[in-house]
Amino acid sequence: MKKSLHKQRGSLMLESLIAILIFSLGILSLVALLGASVNDTASAKYRTEASLLVNQVIGEMWAGDKTNASLVANYGTTSGAPYLAWKARVVQTLPGVVDAVEGTPGSGQNLPTIVIDGTLVTVTVFWQAPSESGRHNFVAATRIHE
């Protein structure tokens, strides 16, 4: 009988170590899940802000002079005062959007675009999260009639 007990010596220690290993893997999985959740929350925040900015400029177009010439002059060029004010809000709000500075390498990245084709207006904003290498975009198209 002593011989069989001698063969089993240390099995409780081995079972305990395996249980601790399984428990540790579970805890690490929960930490990874929490990290992914935080990333998804930040990503949703940027998408929401991009949507708000795009809908804001479309609302400004609807509220202002809706003639095609006025829309093109104010929003269809990069020099219109309403476009410049909106672009400044985009640069300030979304990460990775860098305003163009003459003579500065790397500036002018991910700037928003507004394309006006008759009554069809397409607004695109870009952003790049600090921890990501690729850029994201949000596009909205609408028709603005006089």
C-alpha atoms as a PDB file:
ATOM      1  CA  MET A   1       0.000   0.000   0.000  1.00  0.00           C
ATOM      2  CA  LYS A   2       2.851   2.386   0.742  1.00  0.00           C
ATOM      3  CA  LYS A   3       4.203   1.734  -2.697  1.00  0.00           C
ATOM      4  CA  SER A   4       1.066   3.046  -4.460  1.00  0.00           C
ATOM      5  CA  LEU A   5       0.954   6.153  -2.234  1.00  0.00           C
ATOM      6  CA  HIS A   6       4.574   6.821  -3.065  1.00  0.00           C
ATOM      7  CA  LYS A   7       3.774   6.800  -6.804  1.00  0.00           C
ATOM      8  CA  GLN A   8       1.038   9.417  -6.311  1.00  0.00           C
ATOM      9  CA  ARG A   9       3.176  11.832  -4.356  1.00  0.00           C
ATOM     10  CA  GLY A  10       3.106  15.320  -5.971  1.00  0.00           C
ATOM     11  CA  SER A  11      -0.122  14.813  -7.930  1.00  0.00           C
ATOM     12  CA  LEU A  12      -1.958  17.363  -5.768  1.00  0.00           C
ATOM     13  CA  MET A  13       0.769  19.901  -6.528  1.00  0.00           C
ATOM     14  CA  LEU A  14       0.491  19.185 -10.260  1.00  0.00           C
ATOM     15  CA  GLU A  15      -3.314  19.535 -10.193  1.00  0.00           C
ATOM     16  CA  SER A  16      -2.972  22.825  -8.316  1.00  0.00           C
ATOM     17  CA  LEU A  17      -0.499  24.198 -10.854  1.00  0.00           C
ATOM     18  CA  ILE A  18      -2.771  23.218 -13.753  1.00  0.00           C
ATOM     19  CA  ALA A  19      -5.751  24.878 -12.030  1.00  0.00           C
ATOM     20  CA  ILE A  20      -3.717  28.065 -11.488  1.00  0.00           C
ATOM     21  CA  LEU A  21      -2.649  28.007 -15.149  1.00  0.00           C
ATOM     22  CA  ILE A  22      -6.256  27.678 -16.359  1.00  0.00           C
ATOM     23  CA  PHE A  23      -7.390  30.447 -14.001  1.00  0.00           C
ATOM     24  CA  SER A  24      -4.547  32.712 -15.197  1.00  0.00           C
ATOM     25  CA  LEU A  25      -5.479  32.143 -18.842  1.00  0.00           C
ATOM     26  CA  GLY A  26      -9.061  33.128 -18.014  1.00  0.00           C
ATOM     27  CA  ILE A  27      -7.917  36.344 -16.337  1.00  0.00           C
ATOM     28  CA  LEU A  28      -5.643  37.196 -19.290  1.00  0.00           C
ATOM     29  CA  SER A  29      -8.537  36.612 -21.677  1.00  0.00           C
ATOM     30  CA  LEU A  30     -10.714  39.011 -19.682  1.00  0.00           C
ATOM     31  CA  VAL A  31      -7.973  41.659 -19.778  1.00  0.00           C
ATOM     32  CA  ALA A  32      -7.662  41.235 -23.568  1.00  0.00           C
ATOM     33  CA  LEU A  33     -11.438  41.530 -23.918  1.00  0.00           C
ATOM     34  CA  LEU A  34     -11.400  44.728 -21.872  1.00  0.00           C
ATOM     35  CA  GLY A  35      -8.649  46.179 -24.088  1.00  0.00           C
ATOM     36  CA  ALA A  36     -10.607  45.367 -27.244  1.00  0.00           C
ATOM     37  CA  SER A  37     -13.676  46.973 -25.702  1.00  0.00           C
ATOM     38  CA  VAL A  38     -11.779  50.198 -24.996  1.00  0.00           C
ATOM     39  CA  ASN A  39     -10.496  50.288 -28.608  1.00  0.00           C
ATOM     40  CA  ASP A  40     -14.000  49.746 -29.975  1.00  0.00           C
ATOM     41  CA  THR A  41     -15.354  52.525 -27.771  1.00  0.00           C
ATOM     42  CA  ALA A  42     -12.726  54.966 -29.059  1.00  0.00           C
ATOM     43  CA  SER A  43     -13.442  53.918 -32.636  1.00  0.00           C
ATOM     44  CA  ALA A  44     -17.173  54.467 -32.136  1.00  0.00           C
ATOM     45  CA  LYS A  45     -16.442  57.903 -30.663  1.00  0.00           C
ATOM     46  CA  TYR A  46     -14.498  58.953 -33.765  1.00  0.00           C
ATOM     47  CA  ARG A  47     -17.209  57.627 -36.108  1.00  0.00           C
ATOM     48  CA  THR A  48     -19.859  59.530 -34.161  1.00  0.00           C
ATOM     49  CA  GLU A  49     -17.848  62.758 -34.251  1.00  0.00           C
ATOM     50  CA  ALA A  50     -17.222  62.347 -37.987  1.00  0.00           C
ATOM     51  CA  SER A  51     -20.937  61.814 -38.602  1.00  0.00           C
ATOM     52  CA  LEU A  52     -21.790  64.880 -36.527  1.00  0.00           C
ATOM     53  CA  LEU A  53     -19.303  67.064 -38.424  1.00  0.00           C
ATOM     54  CA  VAL A  54     -20.548  65.902 -41.828  1.00  0.00           C
ATOM     55  CA  ASN A  55     -24.195  66.401 -40.924  1.00  0.00           C
ATOM     56  CA  GLN A  56     -23.345  69.794 -39.440  1.00  0.00           C
ATOM     57  CA  VAL A  57     -21.877  71.097 -42.702  1.00  0.00           C
ATOM     58  CA  ILE A  58     -24.778  69.649 -44.694  1.00  0.00           C
ATOM     59  CA  GLY A  59     -27.168  71.440 -42.345  1.00  0.00           C
ATOM     60  CA  GLU A  60     -25.259  74.688 -42.878  1.00  0.00           C
ATOM     61  CA  MET A  61     -25.631  74.234 -46.636  1.00  0.00           C
ATOM     62  CA  TRP A  62     -29.365  73.654 -46.290  1.00  0.00           C
ATOM     63  CA  ALA A  63     -29.781  76.697 -44.035  1.00  0.00           C
ATOM     64  CA  GLY A  64     -27.760  79.063 -46.242  1.00  0.00           C
ATOM     65  CA  ASP A  65     -27.985  80.135 -49.855  1.00  0.00           C
ATOM     66  CA  LYS A  66     -28.737  76.931 -51.772  1.00  0.00           C
ATOM     67  CA  THR A  67     -27.907  78.174 -55.246  1.00  0.00           C
ATOM     68  CA  ASN A  68     -25.313  76.047 -56.964  1.00  0.00           C
ATOM     69  CA  ALA A  69     -22.957  79.000 -57.485  1.00  0.00           C
ATOM     70  CA  SER A  70     -23.104  79.899 -53.789  1.00  0.00           C
ATOM     71  CA  LEU A  71     -22.569  76.309 -52.646  1.00  0.00           C
ATOM     72  CA  VAL A  72     -19.553  75.918 -54.918  1.00  0.00           C
ATOM     73  CA  ALA A  73     -18.076  79.272 -53.831  1.00  0.00           C
ATOM     74  CA  ASN A  74     -18.598  78.634 -50.102  1.00  0.00           C
ATOM     75  CA  TYR A  75     -18.027  74.880 -49.784  1.00  0.00           C
ATOM     76  CA  GLY A  76     -16.843  73.459 -53.116  1.00  0.00           C
ATOM     77  CA  THR A  77     -13.487  75.217 -52.998  1.00  0.00           C
ATOM     78  CA  THR A  78     -10.883  75.034 -50.283  1.00  0.00           C
ATOM     79  CA  SER A  79     -10.853  78.828 -49.942  1.00  0.00           C
ATOM     80  CA  GLY A  80     -14.510  79.481 -49.042  1.00  0.00           C
ATOM     81  CA  ALA A  81     -14.936  81.000 -45.568  1.00  0.00           C
ATOM     82  CA  PRO A  82     -17.655  78.523 -44.449  1.00  0.00           C
ATOM     83  CA  TYR A  83     -15.526  75.598 -45.657  1.00  0.00           C
ATOM     84  CA  LEU A  84     -12.446  76.920 -43.836  1.00  0.00           C
ATOM     85  CA  ALA A  85     -14.402  77.344 -40.578  1.00  0.00           C
ATOM     86  CA  TRP A  86     -15.804  73.811 -40.876  1.00  0.00           C
ATOM     87  CA  LYS A  87     -12.381  72.370 -41.788  1.00  0.00           C
ATOM     88  CA  ALA A  88     -10.919  73.984 -38.667  1.00  0.00           C
ATOM     89  CA  ARG A  89     -13.548  72.173 -36.557  1.00  0.00           C
ATOM     90  CA  VAL A  90     -12.685  68.883 -38.289  1.00  0.00           C
ATOM     91  CA  VAL A  91      -8.941  69.379 -37.683  1.00  0.00           C
ATOM     92  CA  GLN A  92      -9.637  70.206 -34.037  1.00  0.00           C
ATOM     93  CA  THR A  93     -12.041  67.300 -33.444  1.00  0.00           C
ATOM     94  CA  LEU A  94     -10.738  64.259 -35.328  1.00  0.00           C
ATOM     95  CA  PRO A  95      -7.318  62.671 -34.718  1.00  0.00           C
ATOM     96  CA  GLY A  96      -4.771  62.430 -37.499  1.00  0.00           C
ATOM     97  CA  VAL A  97      -6.187  65.350 -39.509  1.00  0.00           C
ATOM     98  CA  VAL A  98      -3.337  67.777 -40.118  1.00  0.00           C
ATOM     99  CA  ASP A  99      -4.029  71.158 -41.713  1.00  0.00           C
ATOM    100  CA  ALA A 100      -1.810  72.158 -44.613  1.00  0.00           C
ATOM    101  CA  VAL A 101       1.076  74.411 -43.634  1.00  0.00           C
ATOM    102  CA  GLU A 102       3.170  75.677 -46.520  1.00  0.00           C
ATOM    103  CA  GLY A 103       6.671  74.240 -46.468  1.00  0.00           C
ATOM    104  CA  THR A 104       5.896  71.737 -43.702  1.00  0.00           C
ATOM    105  CA  PRO A 105       6.338  68.090 -44.693  1.00  0.00           C
ATOM    106  CA  GLY A 106       3.513  65.804 -43.565  1.00  0.00           C
ATOM    107  CA  SER A 107       0.953  68.585 -43.306  1.00  0.00           C
ATOM    108  CA  GLY A 108      -2.307  68.546 -45.206  1.00  0.00           C
ATOM    109  CA  GLN A 109      -3.053  64.912 -44.370  1.00  0.00           C
ATOM    110  CA  ASN A 110      -6.562  63.467 -44.151  1.00  0.00           C
ATOM    111  CA  LEU A 111      -8.259  66.782 -44.922  1.00  0.00           C
ATOM    112  CA  PRO A 112     -12.035  66.675 -45.495  1.00  0.00           C
ATOM    113  CA  THR A 113     -13.486  67.031 -48.979  1.00  0.00           C
ATOM    114  CA  ILE A 114     -16.766  68.412 -50.268  1.00  0.00           C
ATOM    115  CA  VAL A 115     -17.697  67.606 -53.863  1.00  0.00           C
ATOM    116  CA  ILE A 116     -20.623  69.498 -55.384  1.00  0.00           C
ATOM    117  CA  ASP A 117     -21.995  68.061 -58.631  1.00  0.00           C
ATOM    118  CA  GLY A 118     -25.122  69.992 -59.505  1.00  0.00           C
ATOM    119  CA  THR A 119     -27.553  69.262 -56.686  1.00  0.00           C
ATOM    120  CA  LEU A 120     -25.586  66.257 -55.404  1.00  0.00           C
ATOM    121  CA  VAL A 121     -23.289  67.097 -52.487  1.00  0.00           C
ATOM    122  CA  THR A 122     -20.807  64.482 -51.216  1.00  0.00           C
ATOM    123  CA  VAL A 123     -18.966  65.191 -47.975  1.00  0.00           C
ATOM    124  CA  THR A 124     -16.050  63.002 -46.859  1.00  0.00           C
ATOM    125  CA  VAL A 125     -14.043  63.250 -43.656  1.00  0.00           C
ATOM    126  CA  PHE A 126     -10.954  61.210 -42.831  1.00  0.00           C
ATOM    127  CA  TRP A 127      -9.217  60.460 -39.559  1.00  0.00           C
ATOM    128  CA  GLN A 128      -6.485  58.231 -38.227  1.00  0.00           C
ATOM    129  CA  ALA A 129      -6.577  56.992 -34.655  1.00  0.00           C
ATOM    130  CA  PRO A 130      -3.312  57.425 -32.739  1.00  0.00           C
ATOM    131  CA  SER A 131      -2.785  53.677 -32.319  1.00  0.00           C
ATOM    132  CA  GLU A 132      -3.622  52.697 -35.913  1.00  0.00           C
ATOM    133  CA  SER A 133      -1.655  52.780 -39.141  1.00  0.00           C
ATOM    134  CA  GLY A 134      -4.614  52.993 -41.545  1.00  0.00           C
ATOM    135  CA  ARG A 135      -7.050  55.835 -41.977  1.00  0.00           C
ATOM    136  CA  HIS A 136     -10.825  55.748 -41.689  1.00  0.00           C
ATOM    137  CA  ASN A 137     -13.427  57.765 -43.531  1.00  0.00           C
ATOM    138  CA  PHE A 138     -17.066  58.750 -43.284  1.00  0.00           C
ATOM    139  CA  VAL A 139     -18.975  59.709 -46.435  1.00  0.00           C
ATOM    140  CA  ALA A 140     -22.427  61.251 -46.742  1.00  0.00           C
ATOM    141  CA  ALA A 141     -24.195  62.290 -49.918  1.00  0.00           C
ATOM    142  CA  THR A 142     -27.335  64.375 -50.231  1.00  0.00           C
ATOM    143  CA  ARG A 143     -29.205  66.452 -52.755  1.00  0.00           C
ATOM    144  CA  ILE A 144     -29.599  70.149 -52.038  1.00  0.00           C
ATOM    145  CA  HIS A 145     -32.217  71.933 -54.126  1.00  0.00           C
ATOM    146  CA  GLU A 146     -32.943  75.639 -54.259  1.00  0.00           C
END
